[in-house]
Amino acid sequence: MKLKVHPIAWMIRPEGASMFDERAIEIRLEDEAAGPFVVLKSQLDEVKPGEVSIDPSEWPTLRAAIDAAIKVANEIEKDEKGTTP
């Protein structure tokens, strides 16, 4: 059996801060049987459900992580459809 490893979660946080820091943003892939999609979760208490607060200085790092998540999601979807070698 051939196995593949796919990273499905990323944590963006200030350097030196804990994973549970209120400024941390979790990026993860989920799949509810219709194909993988990206979910962002903020730890900030003042953020309303369904919202993510992004500081402009965080955007380049956050975007790079989201781009990486999308790339993995596309790879998983191709594997599931049998379109990869």
PDB file of N, CA and C in Angstrom:
ATOM      1  N   MET A   1       0.841  -1.176   0.000  1.00  0.00           N
ATOM      2  CA  MET A   1       0.000   0.000   0.000  1.00  0.00           C
ATOM      3  C   MET A   1       0.885   1.238   0.000  1.00  0.00           C
ATOM      4  N   LYS A   2       0.596   2.141  -0.904  1.00  0.00           N
ATOM      5  CA  LYS A   2       1.336   3.394  -0.987  1.00  0.00           C
ATOM      6  C   LYS A   2       0.606   4.443  -0.149  1.00  0.00           C
ATOM      7  N   LEU A   3       1.342   5.143   0.713  1.00  0.00           N
ATOM      8  CA  LEU A   3       0.746   6.150   1.579  1.00  0.00           C
ATOM      9  C   LEU A   3       1.248   7.541   1.235  1.00  0.00           C
ATOM     10  N   LYS A   4       0.395   8.531   1.463  1.00  0.00           N
ATOM     11  CA  LYS A   4       0.770   9.938   1.269  1.00  0.00           C
ATOM     12  C   LYS A   4       0.501  10.680   2.564  1.00  0.00           C
ATOM     13  N   VAL A   5       1.308  11.663   2.821  1.00  0.00           N
ATOM     14  CA  VAL A   5       1.120  12.526   3.991  1.00  0.00           C
ATOM     15  C   VAL A   5       0.712  13.902   3.490  1.00  0.00           C
ATOM     16  N   HIS A   6      -0.340  14.450   4.086  1.00  0.00           N
ATOM     17  CA  HIS A   6      -0.800  15.789   3.738  1.00  0.00           C
ATOM     18  C   HIS A   6      -0.885  16.626   5.004  1.00  0.00           C
ATOM     19  N   PRO A   7      -0.168  17.748   5.078  1.00  0.00           N
ATOM     20  CA  PRO A   7      -0.373  18.648   6.207  1.00  0.00           C
ATOM     21  C   PRO A   7      -1.776  19.234   6.071  1.00  0.00           C
ATOM     22  N   ILE A   8      -2.553  19.247   7.144  1.00  0.00           N
ATOM     23  CA  ILE A   8      -3.912  19.767   7.044  1.00  0.00           C
ATOM     24  C   ILE A   8      -4.196  20.881   8.044  1.00  0.00           C
ATOM     25  N   ALA A   9      -3.179  21.340   8.784  1.00  0.00           N
ATOM     26  CA  ALA A   9      -3.390  22.438   9.731  1.00  0.00           C
ATOM     27  C   ALA A   9      -2.122  23.275   9.853  1.00  0.00           C
ATOM     28  N   TRP A  10      -2.322  24.579   9.985  1.00  0.00           N
ATOM     29  CA  TRP A  10      -1.234  25.537  10.152  1.00  0.00           C
ATOM     30  C   TRP A  10      -1.639  26.498  11.259  1.00  0.00           C
ATOM     31  N   MET A  11      -0.668  26.986  11.995  1.00  0.00           N
ATOM     32  CA  MET A  11      -0.917  27.959  13.053  1.00  0.00           C
ATOM     33  C   MET A  11      -0.058  29.186  12.773  1.00  0.00           C
ATOM     34  N   ILE A  12      -0.693  30.338  12.669  1.00  0.00           N
ATOM     35  CA  ILE A  12       0.015  31.602  12.510  1.00  0.00           C
ATOM     36  C   ILE A  12      -0.072  32.304  13.858  1.00  0.00           C
ATOM     37  N   ARG A  13       1.085  32.617  14.443  1.00  0.00           N
ATOM     38  CA  ARG A  13       1.102  33.249  15.760  1.00  0.00           C
ATOM     39  C   ARG A  13       2.324  34.138  15.865  1.00  0.00           C
ATOM     40  N   PRO A  14       2.280  35.107  16.752  1.00  0.00           N
ATOM     41  CA  PRO A  14       3.474  35.933  16.957  1.00  0.00           C
ATOM     42  C   PRO A  14       4.647  35.061  17.424  1.00  0.00           C
ATOM     43  N   GLU A  15       5.827  35.361  16.948  1.00  0.00           N
ATOM     44  CA  GLU A  15       7.010  34.613  17.349  1.00  0.00           C
ATOM     45  C   GLU A  15       7.137  34.628  18.862  1.00  0.00           C
ATOM     46  N   GLY A  16       7.365  33.464  19.450  1.00  0.00           N
ATOM     47  CA  GLY A  16       7.524  33.335  20.892  1.00  0.00           C
ATOM     48  C   GLY A  16       6.217  33.182  21.652  1.00  0.00           C
ATOM     49  N   ALA A  17       5.082  33.365  20.975  1.00  0.00           N
ATOM     50  CA  ALA A  17       3.772  33.239  21.635  1.00  0.00           C
ATOM     51  C   ALA A  17       3.315  31.785  21.619  1.00  0.00           C
ATOM     52  N   SER A  18       2.414  31.471  22.527  1.00  0.00           N
ATOM     53  CA  SER A  18       1.875  30.120  22.605  1.00  0.00           C
ATOM     54  C   SER A  18       0.862  29.888  21.483  1.00  0.00           C
ATOM     55  N   MET A  19       0.549  28.636  21.214  1.00  0.00           N
ATOM     56  CA  MET A  19      -0.472  28.293  20.229  1.00  0.00           C
ATOM     57  C   MET A  19      -1.843  28.816  20.642  1.00  0.00           C
ATOM     58  N   PHE A  20      -2.015  29.076  21.922  1.00  0.00           N
ATOM     59  CA  PHE A  20      -3.306  29.521  22.437  1.00  0.00           C
ATOM     60  C   PHE A  20      -3.372  31.034  22.611  1.00  0.00           C
ATOM     61  N   ASP A  21      -2.355  31.731  22.134  1.00  0.00           N
ATOM     62  CA  ASP A  21      -2.327  33.183  22.204  1.00  0.00           C
ATOM     63  C   ASP A  21      -3.549  33.732  21.474  1.00  0.00           C
ATOM     64  N   GLU A  22      -4.141  34.792  22.006  1.00  0.00           N
ATOM     65  CA  GLU A  22      -5.349  35.341  21.384  1.00  0.00           C
ATOM     66  C   GLU A  22      -5.105  35.897  19.987  1.00  0.00           C
ATOM     67  N   ARG A  23      -3.850  36.159  19.645  1.00  0.00           N
ATOM     68  CA  ARG A  23      -3.528  36.669  18.313  1.00  0.00           C
ATOM     69  C   ARG A  23      -3.294  35.560  17.294  1.00  0.00           C
ATOM     70  N   ALA A  24      -3.322  34.308  17.736  1.00  0.00           N
ATOM     71  CA  ALA A  24      -3.083  33.177  16.837  1.00  0.00           C
ATOM     72  C   ALA A  24      -4.268  32.975  15.890  1.00  0.00           C
ATOM     73  N   ILE A  25      -3.956  32.579  14.678  1.00  0.00           N
ATOM     74  CA  ILE A  25      -4.978  32.220  13.695  1.00  0.00           C
ATOM     75  C   ILE A  25      -4.673  30.806  13.220  1.00  0.00           C
ATOM     76  N   GLU A  26      -5.662  29.938  13.315  1.00  0.00           N
ATOM     77  CA  GLU A  26      -5.523  28.559  12.867  1.00  0.00           C
ATOM     78  C   GLU A  26      -6.095  28.447  11.456  1.00  0.00           C
ATOM     79  N   ILE A  27      -5.341  27.780  10.602  1.00  0.00           N
ATOM     80  CA  ILE A  27      -5.784  27.495   9.241  1.00  0.00           C
ATOM     81  C   ILE A  27      -5.817  25.976   9.130  1.00  0.00           C
ATOM     82  N   ARG A  28      -6.934  25.444   8.693  1.00  0.00           N
ATOM     83  CA  ARG A  28      -7.006  23.985   8.568  1.00  0.00           C
ATOM     84  C   ARG A  28      -7.867  23.605   7.372  1.00  0.00           C
ATOM     85  N   LEU A  29      -7.632  22.403   6.886  1.00  0.00           N
ATOM     86  CA  LEU A  29      -8.450  21.845   5.814  1.00  0.00           C
ATOM     87  C   LEU A  29      -9.520  20.967   6.433  1.00  0.00           C
ATOM     88  N   GLU A  30     -10.713  21.089   5.921  1.00  0.00           N
ATOM     89  CA  GLU A  30     -11.814  20.226   6.334  1.00  0.00           C
ATOM     90  C   GLU A  30     -12.459  19.673   5.081  1.00  0.00           C
ATOM     91  N   ASP A  31     -13.227  18.615   5.259  1.00  0.00           N
ATOM     92  CA  ASP A  31     -13.928  17.997   4.141  1.00  0.00           C
ATOM     93  C   ASP A  31     -15.213  17.386   4.675  1.00  0.00           C
ATOM     94  N   GLU A  32     -16.322  17.805   4.121  1.00  0.00           N
ATOM     95  CA  GLU A  32     -17.619  17.271   4.532  1.00  0.00           C
ATOM     96  C   GLU A  32     -18.199  16.417   3.409  1.00  0.00           C
ATOM     97  N   ALA A  33     -17.319  15.664   2.748  1.00  0.00           N
ATOM     98  CA  ALA A  33     -17.652  14.728   1.671  1.00  0.00           C
ATOM     99  C   ALA A  33     -17.893  15.399   0.322  1.00  0.00           C
ATOM    100  N   ALA A  34     -17.638  16.699   0.211  1.00  0.00           N
ATOM    101  CA  ALA A  34     -17.797  17.375  -1.073  1.00  0.00           C
ATOM    102  C   ALA A  34     -16.456  17.917  -1.581  1.00  0.00           C
ATOM    103  N   GLY A  35     -15.385  17.539  -0.929  1.00  0.00           N
ATOM    104  CA  GLY A  35     -14.062  18.031  -1.295  1.00  0.00           C
ATOM    105  C   GLY A  35     -13.515  18.951  -0.220  1.00  0.00           C
ATOM    106  N   PRO A  36     -12.199  19.036  -0.118  1.00  0.00           N
ATOM    107  CA  PRO A  36     -11.579  19.834   0.939  1.00  0.00           C
ATOM    108  C   PRO A  36     -11.785  21.337   0.748  1.00  0.00           C
ATOM    109  N   PHE A  37     -11.862  22.045   1.871  1.00  0.00           N
ATOM    110  CA  PHE A  37     -11.951  23.500   1.864  1.00  0.00           C
ATOM    111  C   PHE A  37     -11.166  24.049   3.043  1.00  0.00           C
ATOM    112  N   VAL A  38     -10.812  25.324   2.985  1.00  0.00           N
ATOM    113  CA  VAL A  38      -9.980  25.969   3.999  1.00  0.00           C
ATOM    114  C   VAL A  38     -10.865  26.650   5.041  1.00  0.00           C
ATOM    115  N   VAL A  39     -10.496  26.468   6.322  1.00  0.00           N
ATOM    116  CA  VAL A  39     -11.190  27.102   7.440  1.00  0.00           C
ATOM    117  C   VAL A  39     -10.183  27.951   8.209  1.00  0.00           C
ATOM    118  N   LEU A  40     -10.555  29.194   8.528  1.00  0.00           N
ATOM    119  CA  LEU A  40      -9.743  30.073   9.366  1.00  0.00           C
ATOM    120  C   LEU A  40     -10.432  30.222  10.704  1.00  0.00           C
ATOM    121  N   LYS A  41      -9.654  30.152  11.787  1.00  0.00           N
ATOM    122  CA  LYS A  41     -10.218  30.304  13.124  1.00  0.00           C
ATOM    123  C   LYS A  41      -9.337  31.264  13.914  1.00  0.00           C
ATOM    124  N   SER A  42      -9.963  32.299  14.443  1.00  0.00           N
ATOM    125  CA  SER A  42      -9.255  33.292  15.251  1.00  0.00           C
ATOM    126  C   SER A  42      -9.480  32.989  16.723  1.00  0.00           C
ATOM    127  N   GLN A  43      -8.501  33.299  17.552  1.00  0.00           N
ATOM    128  CA  GLN A  43      -8.611  33.106  18.998  1.00  0.00           C
ATOM    129  C   GLN A  43      -9.137  34.355  19.704  1.00  0.00           C
ATOM    130  N   LEU A  44      -9.264  35.460  18.976  1.00  0.00           N
ATOM    131  CA  LEU A  44      -9.677  36.719  19.591  1.00  0.00           C
ATOM    132  C   LEU A  44     -11.100  36.633  20.129  1.00  0.00           C
ATOM    133  N   ASP A  45     -11.278  37.053  21.378  1.00  0.00           N
ATOM    134  CA  ASP A  45     -12.601  37.025  21.996  1.00  0.00           C
ATOM    135  C   ASP A  45     -13.564  38.011  21.352  1.00  0.00           C
ATOM    136  N   GLU A  46     -13.047  39.154  20.911  1.00  0.00           N
ATOM    137  CA  GLU A  46     -13.943  40.176  20.369  1.00  0.00           C
ATOM    138  C   GLU A  46     -14.373  39.937  18.928  1.00  0.00           C
ATOM    139  N   VAL A  47     -13.847  38.894  18.284  1.00  0.00           N
ATOM    140  CA  VAL A  47     -14.242  38.579  16.916  1.00  0.00           C
ATOM    141  C   VAL A  47     -15.570  37.818  16.963  1.00  0.00           C
ATOM    142  N   LYS A  48     -16.521  38.272  16.157  1.00  0.00           N
ATOM    143  CA  LYS A  48     -17.836  37.644  16.097  1.00  0.00           C
ATOM    144  C   LYS A  48     -17.750  36.311  15.365  1.00  0.00           C
ATOM    145  N   PRO A  49     -18.656  35.383  15.667  1.00  0.00           N
ATOM    146  CA  PRO A  49     -18.659  34.110  14.934  1.00  0.00           C
ATOM    147  C   PRO A  49     -18.734  34.351  13.426  1.00  0.00           C
ATOM    148  N   GLY A  50     -17.935  33.633  12.689  1.00  0.00           N
ATOM    149  CA  GLY A  50     -17.909  33.772  11.245  1.00  0.00           C
ATOM    150  C   GLY A  50     -16.965  34.849  10.746  1.00  0.00           C
ATOM    151  N   GLU A  51     -16.292  35.549  11.650  1.00  0.00           N
ATOM    152  CA  GLU A  51     -15.364  36.604  11.256  1.00  0.00           C
ATOM    153  C   GLU A  51     -13.940  36.232  11.644  1.00  0.00           C
ATOM    154  N   VAL A  52     -12.991  36.764  10.880  1.00  0.00           N
ATOM    155  CA  VAL A  52     -11.573  36.639  11.198  1.00  0.00           C
ATOM    156  C   VAL A  52     -10.997  38.039  11.151  1.00  0.00           C
ATOM    157  N   SER A  53     -10.272  38.414  12.175  1.00  0.00           N
ATOM    158  CA  SER A  53      -9.649  39.734  12.231  1.00  0.00           C
ATOM    159  C   SER A  53      -8.200  39.605  11.756  1.00  0.00           C
ATOM    160  N   ILE A  54      -7.833  40.391  10.727  1.00  0.00           N
ATOM    161  CA  ILE A  54      -6.490  40.301  10.156  1.00  0.00           C
ATOM    162  C   ILE A  54      -5.809  41.654  10.255  1.00  0.00           C
ATOM    163  N   ASP A  55      -4.693  41.683  10.953  1.00  0.00           N
ATOM    164  CA  ASP A  55      -3.867  42.880  11.014  1.00  0.00           C
ATOM    165  C   ASP A  55      -3.096  42.966   9.697  1.00  0.00           C
ATOM    166  N   PRO A  56      -3.009  44.135   9.071  1.00  0.00           N
ATOM    167  CA  PRO A  56      -2.294  44.242   7.792  1.00  0.00           C
ATOM    168  C   PRO A  56      -0.874  43.684   7.824  1.00  0.00           C
ATOM    169  N   SER A  57      -0.197  43.802   8.949  1.00  0.00           N
ATOM    170  CA  SER A  57       1.178  43.277   9.027  1.00  0.00           C
ATOM    171  C   SER A  57       1.200  41.747   9.002  1.00  0.00           C
ATOM    172  N   GLU A  58       0.078  41.099   9.346  1.00  0.00           N
ATOM    173  CA  GLU A  58      -0.005  39.637   9.348  1.00  0.00           C
ATOM    174  C   GLU A  58      -0.306  39.078   7.960  1.00  0.00           C
ATOM    175  N   TRP A  59      -0.850  39.923   7.074  1.00  0.00           N
ATOM    176  CA  TRP A  59      -1.373  39.435   5.807  1.00  0.00           C
ATOM    177  C   TRP A  59      -0.372  38.649   4.968  1.00  0.00           C
ATOM    178  N   PRO A  60       0.868  39.095   4.752  1.00  0.00           N
ATOM    179  CA  PRO A  60       1.776  38.302   3.901  1.00  0.00           C
ATOM    180  C   PRO A  60       1.983  36.880   4.419  1.00  0.00           C
ATOM    181  N   THR A  61       2.176  36.731   5.711  1.00  0.00           N
ATOM    182  CA  THR A  61       2.380  35.389   6.284  1.00  0.00           C
ATOM    183  C   THR A  61       1.099  34.574   6.213  1.00  0.00           C
ATOM    184  N   LEU A  62      -0.014  35.210   6.551  1.00  0.00           N
ATOM    185  CA  LEU A  62      -1.300  34.525   6.514  1.00  0.00           C
ATOM    186  C   LEU A  62      -1.640  34.081   5.088  1.00  0.00           C
ATOM    187  N   ARG A  63      -1.410  34.957   4.132  1.00  0.00           N
ATOM    188  CA  ARG A  63      -1.701  34.609   2.740  1.00  0.00           C
ATOM    189  C   ARG A  63      -0.840  33.439   2.270  1.00  0.00           C
ATOM    190  N   ALA A  64       0.438  33.447   2.639  1.00  0.00           N
ATOM    191  CA  ALA A  64       1.323  32.341   2.249  1.00  0.00           C
ATOM    192  C   ALA A  64       0.821  31.017   2.823  1.00  0.00           C
ATOM    193  N   ALA A  65       0.353  31.036   4.071  1.00  0.00           N
ATOM    194  CA  ALA A  65      -0.163  29.814   4.688  1.00  0.00           C
ATOM    195  C   ALA A  65      -1.467  29.372   4.020  1.00  0.00           C
ATOM    196  N   ILE A  66      -2.337  30.325   3.686  1.00  0.00           N
ATOM    197  CA  ILE A  66      -3.582  29.984   2.993  1.00  0.00           C
ATOM    198  C   ILE A  66      -3.272  29.420   1.612  1.00  0.00           C
ATOM    199  N   ASP A  67      -2.324  30.014   0.908  1.00  0.00           N
ATOM    200  CA  ASP A  67      -1.912  29.490  -0.399  1.00  0.00           C
ATOM    201  C   ASP A  67      -1.406  28.054  -0.270  1.00  0.00           C
ATOM    202  N   ALA A  68      -0.630  27.785   0.782  1.00  0.00           N
ATOM    203  CA  ALA A  68      -0.132  26.414   1.017  1.00  0.00           C
ATOM    204  C   ALA A  68      -1.294  25.464   1.284  1.00  0.00           C
ATOM    205  N   ALA A  69      -2.282  25.910   2.060  1.00  0.00           N
ATOM    206  CA  ALA A  69      -3.456  25.077   2.360  1.00  0.00           C
ATOM    207  C   ALA A  69      -4.247  24.785   1.091  1.00  0.00           C
ATOM    208  N   ILE A  70      -4.428  25.785   0.246  1.00  0.00           N
ATOM    209  CA  ILE A  70      -5.154  25.595  -1.014  1.00  0.00           C
ATOM    210  C   ILE A  70      -4.421  24.595  -1.909  1.00  0.00           C
ATOM    211  N   LYS A  71      -3.100  24.697  -1.942  1.00  0.00           N
ATOM    212  CA  LYS A  71      -2.309  23.762  -2.754  1.00  0.00           C
ATOM    213  C   LYS A  71      -2.521  22.322  -2.275  1.00  0.00           C
ATOM    214  N   VAL A  72      -2.482  22.120  -0.960  1.00  0.00           N
ATOM    215  CA  VAL A  72      -2.702  20.779  -0.415  1.00  0.00           C
ATOM    216  C   VAL A  72      -4.133  20.317  -0.709  1.00  0.00           C
ATOM    217  N   ALA A  73      -5.111  21.214  -0.543  1.00  0.00           N
ATOM    218  CA  ALA A  73      -6.508  20.857  -0.832  1.00  0.00           C
ATOM    219  C   ALA A  73      -6.661  20.399  -2.273  1.00  0.00           C
ATOM    220  N   ASN A  74      -6.019  21.107  -3.195  1.00  0.00           N
ATOM    221  CA  ASN A  74      -6.077  20.712  -4.609  1.00  0.00           C
ATOM    222  C   ASN A  74      -5.423  19.355  -4.839  1.00  0.00           C
ATOM    223  N   GLU A  75      -4.292  19.097  -4.163  1.00  0.00           N
ATOM    224  CA  GLU A  75      -3.617  17.798  -4.292  1.00  0.00           C
ATOM    225  C   GLU A  75      -4.504  16.670  -3.780  1.00  0.00           C
ATOM    226  N   ILE A  76      -5.143  16.889  -2.633  1.00  0.00           N
ATOM    227  CA  ILE A  76      -6.032  15.873  -2.064  1.00  0.00           C
ATOM    228  C   ILE A  76      -7.198  15.608  -3.010  1.00  0.00           C
ATOM    229  N   GLU A  77      -7.787  16.663  -3.530  1.00  0.00           N
ATOM    230  CA  GLU A  77      -8.926  16.508  -4.436  1.00  0.00           C
ATOM    231  C   GLU A  77      -8.530  15.726  -5.690  1.00  0.00           C
ATOM    232  N   LYS A  78      -7.354  16.030  -6.249  1.00  0.00           N
ATOM    233  CA  LYS A  78      -6.876  15.299  -7.423  1.00  0.00           C
ATOM    234  C   LYS A  78      -6.647  13.824  -7.084  1.00  0.00           C
ATOM    235  N   ASP A  79      -6.036  13.566  -5.911  1.00  0.00           N
ATOM    236  CA  ASP A  79      -5.821  12.173  -5.488  1.00  0.00           C
ATOM    237  C   ASP A  79      -7.135  11.422  -5.362  1.00  0.00           C
ATOM    238  N   GLU A  80      -8.134  12.079  -4.768  1.00  0.00           N
ATOM    239  CA  GLU A  80      -9.424  11.427  -4.555  1.00  0.00           C
ATOM    240  C   GLU A  80     -10.134  11.141  -5.871  1.00  0.00           C
ATOM    241  N   LYS A  81      -9.885  11.959  -6.876  1.00  0.00           N
ATOM    242  CA  LYS A  81     -10.501  11.753  -8.186  1.00  0.00           C
ATOM    243  C   LYS A  81      -9.653  10.845  -9.065  1.00  0.00           C
ATOM    244  N   GLY A  82      -8.461  10.480  -8.559  1.00  0.00           N
ATOM    245  CA  GLY A  82      -7.593   9.580  -9.315  1.00  0.00           C
ATOM    246  C   GLY A  82      -6.903  10.229 -10.493  1.00  0.00           C
ATOM    247  N   THR A  83      -6.650  11.538 -10.402  1.00  0.00           N
ATOM    248  CA  THR A  83      -6.028  12.238 -11.531  1.00  0.00           C
ATOM    249  C   THR A  83      -4.546  12.480 -11.345  1.00  0.00           C
ATOM    250  N   THR A  84      -3.931  11.908 -10.303  1.00  0.00           N
ATOM    251  CA  THR A  84      -2.493  12.048 -10.135  1.00  0.00           C
ATOM    252  C   THR A  84      -1.831  10.738 -10.517  1.00  0.00           C
ATOM    253  N   PRO A  85      -0.574  10.787 -10.928  1.00  0.00           N
ATOM    254  CA  PRO A  85       0.111   9.556 -11.374  1.00  0.00           C
ATOM    255  C   PRO A  85       0.298   8.562 -10.260  1.00  0.00           C
TER     256      PRO A  85
END
